[in-house]
């Protein structure tokens, strides 16, 4: 079943969630993921983000379009963070944004269709 249709969503195996449960699940996953990224650093962030994106792509209807959207989120986030670093607003000790920070943008992108769908 596809997400955001009012029908049950099957996440893995026999686990089926209603749309409302999926929204809550997605929000909880996002909160835990960003915390792992911030506390765990770039290696943990890359692994967590890859797992969340893989899980996210299993339930969206148009996987290709969603993947492109997530890449765009990463690019926009990277450029925004790079601009903040170059202007001296953000100091990471490096001229480029750290991977964990870009991962946060990708994770944010996974929420746009569910908990933050009122932005659509």
N, C-alpha and C. Protein backbone atom coordinates (compact mmCIF):
# COMPACT_ATOMS: atom_id res chain seq x y z
N UNK A 1 0.84 -1.18 0.00
CA UNK A 1 0.00 0.00 0.00
C UNK A 1 0.89 1.24 0.00
N UNK A 2 0.36 2.30 -0.52
CA UNK A 2 1.15 3.52 -0.59
C UNK A 2 0.80 4.47 0.54
N UNK A 3 1.73 5.33 0.84
CA UNK A 3 1.53 6.29 1.92
C UNK A 3 0.61 7.42 1.47
N UNK A 4 -0.02 8.03 2.44
CA UNK A 4 -0.86 9.21 2.27
C UNK A 4 -2.09 8.96 1.41
N UNK A 5 -2.65 7.78 1.47
CA UNK A 5 -3.87 7.48 0.73
C UNK A 5 -5.03 7.17 1.66
N UNK A 6 -4.78 7.11 2.95
CA UNK A 6 -5.82 6.76 3.90
C UNK A 6 -5.92 5.27 4.13
N UNK A 7 -5.15 4.49 3.38
CA UNK A 7 -5.14 3.04 3.55
C UNK A 7 -3.99 2.65 4.46
N UNK A 8 -4.04 1.45 5.03
CA UNK A 8 -2.93 1.00 5.87
C UNK A 8 -1.62 0.97 5.09
N UNK A 9 -0.53 1.25 5.78
CA UNK A 9 0.80 1.26 5.19
C UNK A 9 1.57 0.10 5.77
N UNK A 10 2.15 -0.72 4.92
CA UNK A 10 2.94 -1.86 5.38
C UNK A 10 4.40 -1.45 5.39
N UNK A 11 5.02 -1.46 6.58
CA UNK A 11 6.41 -1.05 6.70
C UNK A 11 7.37 -2.21 6.49
N UNK A 12 7.19 -3.26 7.22
CA UNK A 12 8.10 -4.39 7.11
C UNK A 12 7.35 -5.65 7.52
N UNK A 13 7.41 -6.63 6.67
CA UNK A 13 6.74 -7.88 6.99
C UNK A 13 5.26 -7.69 7.25
N UNK A 14 4.83 -8.02 8.46
CA UNK A 14 3.41 -7.94 8.80
C UNK A 14 3.05 -6.64 9.53
N UNK A 15 4.02 -5.76 9.73
CA UNK A 15 3.75 -4.51 10.43
C UNK A 15 2.99 -3.56 9.51
N UNK A 16 1.74 -3.29 9.88
CA UNK A 16 0.89 -2.39 9.10
C UNK A 16 0.48 -1.22 9.99
N UNK A 17 0.62 -0.02 9.46
CA UNK A 17 0.27 1.18 10.20
C UNK A 17 -0.79 1.97 9.46
N UNK A 18 -1.66 2.59 10.23
CA UNK A 18 -2.59 3.53 9.60
C UNK A 18 -1.79 4.77 9.20
N UNK A 19 -2.41 5.65 8.44
CA UNK A 19 -1.71 6.86 8.02
C UNK A 19 -1.28 7.70 9.22
N UNK A 20 -2.16 7.83 10.20
CA UNK A 20 -1.84 8.61 11.40
C UNK A 20 -0.66 7.97 12.16
N UNK A 21 -0.68 6.65 12.31
CA UNK A 21 0.42 5.95 12.99
C UNK A 21 1.72 6.13 12.21
N UNK A 22 1.63 6.13 10.89
CA UNK A 22 2.83 6.31 10.08
C UNK A 22 3.41 7.71 10.26
N UNK A 23 2.55 8.71 10.37
CA UNK A 23 3.00 10.08 10.59
C UNK A 23 3.75 10.17 11.92
N UNK A 24 3.19 9.57 12.96
CA UNK A 24 3.84 9.58 14.27
C UNK A 24 5.15 8.79 14.21
N UNK A 25 5.13 7.63 13.57
CA UNK A 25 6.33 6.81 13.43
C UNK A 25 7.43 7.59 12.71
N UNK A 26 7.07 8.26 11.62
CA UNK A 26 8.04 9.03 10.85
C UNK A 26 8.64 10.16 11.69
N UNK A 27 7.81 10.83 12.47
CA UNK A 27 8.29 11.92 13.32
C UNK A 27 9.24 11.40 14.41
N UNK A 28 8.91 10.26 15.00
CA UNK A 28 9.77 9.68 16.03
C UNK A 28 11.10 9.24 15.43
N UNK A 29 11.06 8.61 14.27
CA UNK A 29 12.29 8.19 13.59
C UNK A 29 13.16 9.41 13.30
N UNK A 30 12.56 10.49 12.83
CA UNK A 30 13.32 11.71 12.56
C UNK A 30 13.99 12.24 13.83
N UNK A 31 13.24 12.31 14.92
CA UNK A 31 13.81 12.83 16.17
C UNK A 31 14.98 11.98 16.66
N UNK A 32 14.82 10.67 16.61
CA UNK A 32 15.91 9.78 17.04
C UNK A 32 17.09 9.86 16.09
N UNK A 33 16.81 10.00 14.81
CA UNK A 33 17.88 10.04 13.80
C UNK A 33 18.72 11.30 13.90
N UNK A 34 18.07 12.45 14.05
CA UNK A 34 18.89 13.67 14.13
C UNK A 34 19.72 13.67 15.39
N UNK A 35 19.18 13.12 16.47
CA UNK A 35 19.95 13.04 17.71
C UNK A 35 21.17 12.13 17.51
N UNK A 36 20.98 11.00 16.84
CA UNK A 36 22.10 10.09 16.55
C UNK A 36 23.15 10.78 15.69
N UNK A 37 22.70 11.57 14.71
CA UNK A 37 23.64 12.28 13.83
C UNK A 37 24.47 13.30 14.61
N UNK A 38 23.81 14.06 15.45
CA UNK A 38 24.50 15.11 16.20
C UNK A 38 25.47 14.50 17.22
N UNK A 39 25.03 13.48 17.92
CA UNK A 39 25.86 12.88 18.96
C UNK A 39 26.88 11.89 18.41
N UNK A 40 26.56 11.24 17.28
CA UNK A 40 27.42 10.19 16.77
C UNK A 40 28.48 10.62 15.77
N UNK A 41 28.34 11.79 15.20
CA UNK A 41 29.31 12.24 14.21
C UNK A 41 29.01 11.71 12.82
N UNK A 42 29.93 11.95 11.91
CA UNK A 42 29.69 11.69 10.49
C UNK A 42 29.51 10.22 10.13
N UNK A 43 30.26 9.32 10.74
CA UNK A 43 30.13 7.90 10.40
C UNK A 43 28.77 7.37 10.83
N UNK A 44 28.38 7.68 12.05
CA UNK A 44 27.07 7.26 12.54
C UNK A 44 25.97 7.93 11.72
N UNK A 45 26.15 9.21 11.41
CA UNK A 45 25.15 9.95 10.63
C UNK A 45 24.94 9.32 9.27
N UNK A 46 26.01 8.93 8.60
CA UNK A 46 25.89 8.32 7.28
C UNK A 46 25.13 7.00 7.36
N UNK A 47 25.45 6.19 8.36
CA UNK A 47 24.78 4.89 8.52
C UNK A 47 23.30 5.06 8.86
N UNK A 48 23.02 5.94 9.80
CA UNK A 48 21.63 6.17 10.21
C UNK A 48 20.83 6.75 9.05
N UNK A 49 21.39 7.71 8.35
CA UNK A 49 20.69 8.33 7.23
C UNK A 49 20.42 7.32 6.13
N UNK A 50 21.40 6.49 5.82
CA UNK A 50 21.20 5.45 4.79
C UNK A 50 20.07 4.51 5.19
N UNK A 51 20.03 4.12 6.45
CA UNK A 51 18.97 3.22 6.92
C UNK A 51 17.60 3.89 6.87
N UNK A 52 17.52 5.13 7.30
CA UNK A 52 16.24 5.85 7.29
C UNK A 52 15.76 6.07 5.86
N UNK A 53 16.67 6.46 4.97
CA UNK A 53 16.29 6.68 3.57
C UNK A 53 15.82 5.37 2.94
N UNK A 54 16.50 4.28 3.21
CA UNK A 54 16.08 2.98 2.66
C UNK A 54 14.69 2.62 3.15
N UNK A 55 14.44 2.82 4.44
CA UNK A 55 13.13 2.53 5.01
C UNK A 55 12.07 3.47 4.42
N UNK A 56 12.43 4.73 4.27
CA UNK A 56 11.51 5.73 3.72
C UNK A 56 11.13 5.40 2.28
N UNK A 57 12.11 5.01 1.49
CA UNK A 57 11.84 4.72 0.08
C UNK A 57 10.98 3.48 -0.12
N UNK A 58 10.92 2.61 0.89
CA UNK A 58 10.07 1.42 0.78
C UNK A 58 8.59 1.76 0.80
N UNK A 59 8.23 2.90 1.40
CA UNK A 59 6.80 3.21 1.57
C UNK A 59 6.30 4.34 0.68
N UNK A 60 7.18 5.02 -0.03
CA UNK A 60 6.70 6.11 -0.90
C UNK A 60 6.30 5.54 -2.25
N UNK A 61 5.34 6.20 -2.88
CA UNK A 61 4.81 5.72 -4.16
C UNK A 61 5.82 5.90 -5.29
N UNK A 62 6.40 7.09 -5.41
CA UNK A 62 7.33 7.38 -6.50
C UNK A 62 8.75 7.45 -5.94
N UNK A 63 9.40 6.31 -5.89
CA UNK A 63 10.72 6.21 -5.28
C UNK A 63 11.76 7.09 -5.97
N UNK A 64 11.72 7.11 -7.29
CA UNK A 64 12.70 7.91 -8.05
C UNK A 64 12.55 9.39 -7.73
N UNK A 65 11.32 9.88 -7.79
CA UNK A 65 11.08 11.30 -7.51
C UNK A 65 11.46 11.65 -6.07
N UNK A 66 11.15 10.78 -5.14
CA UNK A 66 11.49 11.03 -3.74
C UNK A 66 12.99 11.03 -3.53
N UNK A 67 13.70 10.10 -4.19
CA UNK A 67 15.16 10.05 -4.07
C UNK A 67 15.78 11.33 -4.61
N UNK A 68 15.27 11.80 -5.74
CA UNK A 68 15.77 13.06 -6.31
C UNK A 68 15.50 14.21 -5.34
N UNK A 69 14.32 14.22 -4.74
CA UNK A 69 13.99 15.25 -3.76
C UNK A 69 14.96 15.22 -2.58
N UNK A 70 15.30 14.03 -2.10
CA UNK A 70 16.22 13.92 -0.97
C UNK A 70 17.62 14.39 -1.36
N UNK A 71 18.04 14.11 -2.60
CA UNK A 71 19.32 14.63 -3.08
C UNK A 71 19.29 16.15 -3.14
N UNK A 72 18.16 16.70 -3.56
CA UNK A 72 18.02 18.16 -3.59
C UNK A 72 18.09 18.75 -2.18
N UNK A 73 17.48 18.06 -1.23
CA UNK A 73 17.56 18.51 0.16
C UNK A 73 19.02 18.55 0.63
N UNK A 74 19.77 17.51 0.29
CA UNK A 74 21.18 17.46 0.66
C UNK A 74 21.95 18.61 0.01
N UNK A 75 21.69 18.85 -1.26
CA UNK A 75 22.40 19.91 -1.99
C UNK A 75 22.07 21.29 -1.43
N UNK A 76 20.79 21.55 -1.22
CA UNK A 76 20.38 22.86 -0.67
C UNK A 76 20.96 23.05 0.72
N UNK A 77 20.89 22.02 1.54
CA UNK A 77 21.43 22.11 2.89
C UNK A 77 22.93 22.34 2.89
N UNK A 78 23.63 21.61 2.03
CA UNK A 78 25.09 21.76 1.93
C UNK A 78 25.44 23.19 1.54
N UNK A 79 24.76 23.72 0.53
CA UNK A 79 25.04 25.08 0.06
C UNK A 79 24.71 26.12 1.13
N UNK A 80 23.58 25.95 1.81
CA UNK A 80 23.21 26.89 2.89
C UNK A 80 24.24 26.85 4.01
N UNK A 81 24.62 25.66 4.43
CA UNK A 81 25.60 25.54 5.51
C UNK A 81 26.96 26.07 5.06
N UNK A 82 27.33 25.81 3.82
CA UNK A 82 28.59 26.32 3.28
C UNK A 82 28.60 27.85 3.30
N UNK A 83 27.48 28.45 2.90
CA UNK A 83 27.38 29.92 2.92
C UNK A 83 27.53 30.45 4.34
N UNK A 84 26.89 29.78 5.30
CA UNK A 84 27.00 30.22 6.70
C UNK A 84 28.43 30.09 7.21
N UNK A 85 29.11 29.04 6.80
CA UNK A 85 30.51 28.85 7.20
C UNK A 85 31.38 29.93 6.57
N UNK A 86 31.19 30.18 5.28
CA UNK A 86 32.01 31.17 4.58
C UNK A 86 31.78 32.59 5.11
N UNK A 87 30.57 32.88 5.57
CA UNK A 87 30.26 34.21 6.13
C UNK A 87 30.71 34.33 7.58
N UNK A 88 31.14 33.23 8.17
CA UNK A 88 31.59 33.26 9.55
C UNK A 88 30.48 33.13 10.58
N UNK A 89 29.26 32.85 10.12
CA UNK A 89 28.13 32.69 11.03
C UNK A 89 28.21 31.34 11.73
N UNK A 90 28.70 30.34 11.03
CA UNK A 90 28.82 28.98 11.55
C UNK A 90 30.29 28.58 11.50
N UNK A 91 30.81 28.10 12.60
CA UNK A 91 32.21 27.68 12.65
C UNK A 91 32.27 26.19 12.96
N UNK A 92 32.73 25.42 11.98
CA UNK A 92 32.85 23.98 12.17
C UNK A 92 34.31 23.54 12.28
N UNK A 93 35.22 24.50 12.17
CA UNK A 93 36.63 24.16 12.19
C UNK A 93 37.12 23.62 10.86
N UNK A 94 36.27 23.71 9.84
CA UNK A 94 36.58 23.18 8.51
C UNK A 94 35.90 24.11 7.50
N UNK A 95 36.49 24.30 6.33
CA UNK A 95 35.85 25.17 5.34
C UNK A 95 34.60 24.57 4.70
N UNK A 96 34.38 23.28 4.90
CA UNK A 96 33.20 22.60 4.35
C UNK A 96 32.30 22.11 5.48
N UNK A 97 31.00 22.04 5.23
CA UNK A 97 30.10 21.49 6.25
C UNK A 97 30.41 20.02 6.52
N UNK A 98 30.33 19.59 7.76
CA UNK A 98 30.56 18.18 8.06
C UNK A 98 29.42 17.31 7.50
N UNK A 99 29.74 16.06 7.23
CA UNK A 99 28.76 15.14 6.66
C UNK A 99 27.52 15.01 7.54
N UNK A 100 27.71 14.97 8.85
CA UNK A 100 26.55 14.80 9.73
C UNK A 100 25.55 15.94 9.58
N UNK A 101 26.04 17.13 9.28
CA UNK A 101 25.15 18.27 9.11
C UNK A 101 24.33 18.16 7.82
N UNK A 102 24.97 17.69 6.77
CA UNK A 102 24.25 17.46 5.51
C UNK A 102 23.24 16.33 5.67
N UNK A 103 23.60 15.32 6.45
CA UNK A 103 22.66 14.22 6.72
C UNK A 103 21.38 14.73 7.38
N UNK A 104 21.49 15.74 8.22
CA UNK A 104 20.30 16.31 8.86
C UNK A 104 19.33 16.85 7.83
N UNK A 105 19.85 17.44 6.77
CA UNK A 105 18.99 17.97 5.71
C UNK A 105 18.27 16.84 4.98
N UNK A 106 18.96 15.75 4.75
CA UNK A 106 18.32 14.59 4.09
C UNK A 106 17.23 14.03 4.99
N UNK A 107 17.53 13.89 6.27
CA UNK A 107 16.53 13.39 7.21
C UNK A 107 15.32 14.32 7.28
N UNK A 108 15.57 15.62 7.25
CA UNK A 108 14.46 16.56 7.22
C UNK A 108 13.60 16.33 5.98
N UNK A 109 14.24 16.04 4.86
CA UNK A 109 13.51 15.78 3.62
C UNK A 109 12.57 14.59 3.73
N UNK A 110 12.91 13.62 4.56
CA UNK A 110 12.02 12.46 4.72
C UNK A 110 10.76 12.81 5.49
N UNK A 111 10.74 13.95 6.17
CA UNK A 111 9.56 14.33 6.95
C UNK A 111 8.59 15.19 6.15
N UNK A 112 9.01 15.75 5.05
CA UNK A 112 8.18 16.72 4.34
C UNK A 112 6.86 16.10 3.87
N UNK A 113 6.87 14.86 3.46
CA UNK A 113 5.65 14.23 2.97
C UNK A 113 4.73 13.72 4.05
N UNK A 114 5.16 13.66 5.29
CA UNK A 114 4.36 13.06 6.34
C UNK A 114 4.07 14.04 7.47
N UNK A 115 4.88 14.14 8.50
CA UNK A 115 4.52 15.03 9.60
C UNK A 115 4.42 16.49 9.19
N UNK A 116 5.14 16.89 8.15
CA UNK A 116 5.12 18.29 7.73
C UNK A 116 4.34 18.48 6.44
N UNK A 117 3.42 17.60 6.15
CA UNK A 117 2.73 17.67 4.87
C UNK A 117 1.84 18.90 4.73
N UNK A 118 1.58 19.60 5.83
CA UNK A 118 0.79 20.82 5.72
C UNK A 118 1.56 21.90 4.96
N UNK A 119 2.87 21.72 4.72
CA UNK A 119 3.64 22.65 3.89
C UNK A 119 3.32 22.50 2.42
N UNK A 120 2.75 21.37 2.03
CA UNK A 120 2.46 21.11 0.61
C UNK A 120 1.36 22.03 0.13
